[in-house]
């Protein structure tokens, strides 16, 4: 899987996961800071999609950067 494909999958999962957390949490989730949200999402990826973290370098920092860029846009 190329880096751009991996990024697209991760961002798609991030958006779906974040919406699910909002729907399930009676509104408290949006008030968590984005660092906590990204950490919890990373835990989810490790448990459910470990193949997405199989990349050279620091996977957590790379994914954190991708998500931070998505949140800013």
C-alpha atoms as a PDB file:
ATOM      1  CA  UNK A   1       0.000   0.000   0.000  1.00  0.00           C
ATOM      2  CA  UNK A   2       1.418   3.370  -0.968  1.00  0.00           C
ATOM      3  CA  UNK A   3       1.759   6.177   1.544  1.00  0.00           C
ATOM      4  CA  UNK A   4      -0.983   8.226  -0.116  1.00  0.00           C
ATOM      5  CA  UNK A   5      -3.356   5.236  -0.115  1.00  0.00           C
ATOM      6  CA  UNK A   6      -2.536   4.531   3.530  1.00  0.00           C
ATOM      7  CA  UNK A   7      -3.120   8.194   4.406  1.00  0.00           C
ATOM      8  CA  UNK A   8      -6.510   8.132   2.664  1.00  0.00           C
ATOM      9  CA  UNK A   9      -7.585   5.004   4.541  1.00  0.00           C
ATOM     10  CA  UNK A  10      -6.417   6.390   7.897  1.00  0.00           C
ATOM     11  CA  UNK A  11      -8.201   9.717   7.361  1.00  0.00           C
ATOM     12  CA  UNK A  12     -11.387   7.917   6.292  1.00  0.00           C
ATOM     13  CA  UNK A  13     -11.273   5.719   9.391  1.00  0.00           C
ATOM     14  CA  UNK A  14     -10.506   8.785  11.563  1.00  0.00           C
ATOM     15  CA  UNK A  15     -13.552  10.651  10.308  1.00  0.00           C
ATOM     16  CA  UNK A  16     -15.858   7.656  10.743  1.00  0.00           C
ATOM     17  CA  UNK A  17     -14.437   6.849  14.192  1.00  0.00           C
ATOM     18  CA  UNK A  18     -14.743  10.446  15.357  1.00  0.00           C
ATOM     19  CA  UNK A  19     -18.371  10.646  14.190  1.00  0.00           C
ATOM     20  CA  UNK A  20     -19.178   7.346  15.904  1.00  0.00           C
ATOM     21  CA  UNK A  21     -17.645   8.594  19.143  1.00  0.00           C
ATOM     22  CA  UNK A  22     -19.718  11.768  18.946  1.00  0.00           C
ATOM     23  CA  UNK A  23     -22.879   9.767  18.288  1.00  0.00           C
ATOM     24  CA  UNK A  24     -22.221   7.345  21.155  1.00  0.00           C
ATOM     25  CA  UNK A  25     -21.015   9.785  23.767  1.00  0.00           C
ATOM     26  CA  UNK A  26     -23.978  12.126  24.274  1.00  0.00           C
ATOM     27  CA  UNK A  27     -21.912  15.104  23.212  1.00  0.00           C
ATOM     28  CA  UNK A  28     -18.933  14.947  25.581  1.00  0.00           C
ATOM     29  CA  UNK A  29     -16.472  13.675  22.998  1.00  0.00           C
ATOM     30  CA  UNK A  30     -16.113  16.897  20.979  1.00  0.00           C
ATOM     31  CA  UNK A  31     -14.855  18.638  24.105  1.00  0.00           C
ATOM     32  CA  UNK A  32     -11.862  16.338  24.479  1.00  0.00           C
ATOM     33  CA  UNK A  33      -8.768  17.975  23.128  1.00  0.00           C
ATOM     34  CA  UNK A  34      -7.561  16.699  19.783  1.00  0.00           C
ATOM     35  CA  UNK A  35      -4.418  15.133  21.307  1.00  0.00           C
ATOM     36  CA  UNK A  36      -6.546  12.782  23.424  1.00  0.00           C
ATOM     37  CA  UNK A  37      -8.779  12.005  20.463  1.00  0.00           C
ATOM     38  CA  UNK A  38      -5.778  11.139  18.286  1.00  0.00           C
ATOM     39  CA  UNK A  39      -4.288   8.975  21.026  1.00  0.00           C
ATOM     40  CA  UNK A  40      -7.544   7.043  21.464  1.00  0.00           C
ATOM     41  CA  UNK A  41      -7.835   6.660  17.698  1.00  0.00           C
ATOM     42  CA  UNK A  42      -4.270   5.315  17.551  1.00  0.00           C
ATOM     43  CA  UNK A  43      -5.212   2.712  20.156  1.00  0.00           C
ATOM     44  CA  UNK A  44      -8.157   1.755  17.958  1.00  0.00           C
ATOM     45  CA  UNK A  45      -5.865   1.407  14.931  1.00  0.00           C
ATOM     46  CA  UNK A  46      -3.437  -0.773  16.879  1.00  0.00           C
ATOM     47  CA  UNK A  47      -6.270  -3.076  17.922  1.00  0.00           C
ATOM     48  CA  UNK A  48      -8.339  -3.172  14.728  1.00  0.00           C
ATOM     49  CA  UNK A  49      -6.054  -2.202  11.837  1.00  0.00           C
ATOM     50  CA  UNK A  50      -2.435  -2.941  12.810  1.00  0.00           C
ATOM     51  CA  UNK A  51      -1.432  -3.337   9.159  1.00  0.00           C
ATOM     52  CA  UNK A  52      -1.931   0.423   8.721  1.00  0.00           C
ATOM     53  CA  UNK A  53       0.774   1.056  11.306  1.00  0.00           C
ATOM     54  CA  UNK A  54       3.264  -1.180   9.499  1.00  0.00           C
ATOM     55  CA  UNK A  55       5.322   1.560   7.869  1.00  0.00           C
ATOM     56  CA  UNK A  56       8.899   2.735   8.043  1.00  0.00           C
ATOM     57  CA  UNK A  57       9.710   5.359  10.624  1.00  0.00           C
ATOM     58  CA  UNK A  58       7.549   6.555  13.456  1.00  0.00           C
ATOM     59  CA  UNK A  59       4.012   5.412  12.608  1.00  0.00           C
ATOM     60  CA  UNK A  60       2.377   7.227  15.539  1.00  0.00           C
ATOM     61  CA  UNK A  61       3.944  10.596  14.642  1.00  0.00           C
ATOM     62  CA  UNK A  62       3.095  10.163  10.964  1.00  0.00           C
ATOM     63  CA  UNK A  63      -0.543   9.337  11.699  1.00  0.00           C
ATOM     64  CA  UNK A  64      -0.739  12.147  14.247  1.00  0.00           C
ATOM     65  CA  UNK A  65       0.516  14.588  11.598  1.00  0.00           C
ATOM     66  CA  UNK A  66      -1.987  13.359   9.003  1.00  0.00           C
ATOM     67  CA  UNK A  67      -4.884  13.718  11.433  1.00  0.00           C
ATOM     68  CA  UNK A  68      -3.732  17.117  12.687  1.00  0.00           C
ATOM     69  CA  UNK A  69      -3.626  18.345   9.080  1.00  0.00           C
ATOM     70  CA  UNK A  70      -7.132  16.958   8.498  1.00  0.00           C
ATOM     71  CA  UNK A  71      -8.485  18.629  11.653  1.00  0.00           C
ATOM     72  CA  UNK A  72      -7.004  21.978  10.589  1.00  0.00           C
ATOM     73  CA  UNK A  73      -8.604  21.858   7.149  1.00  0.00           C
END
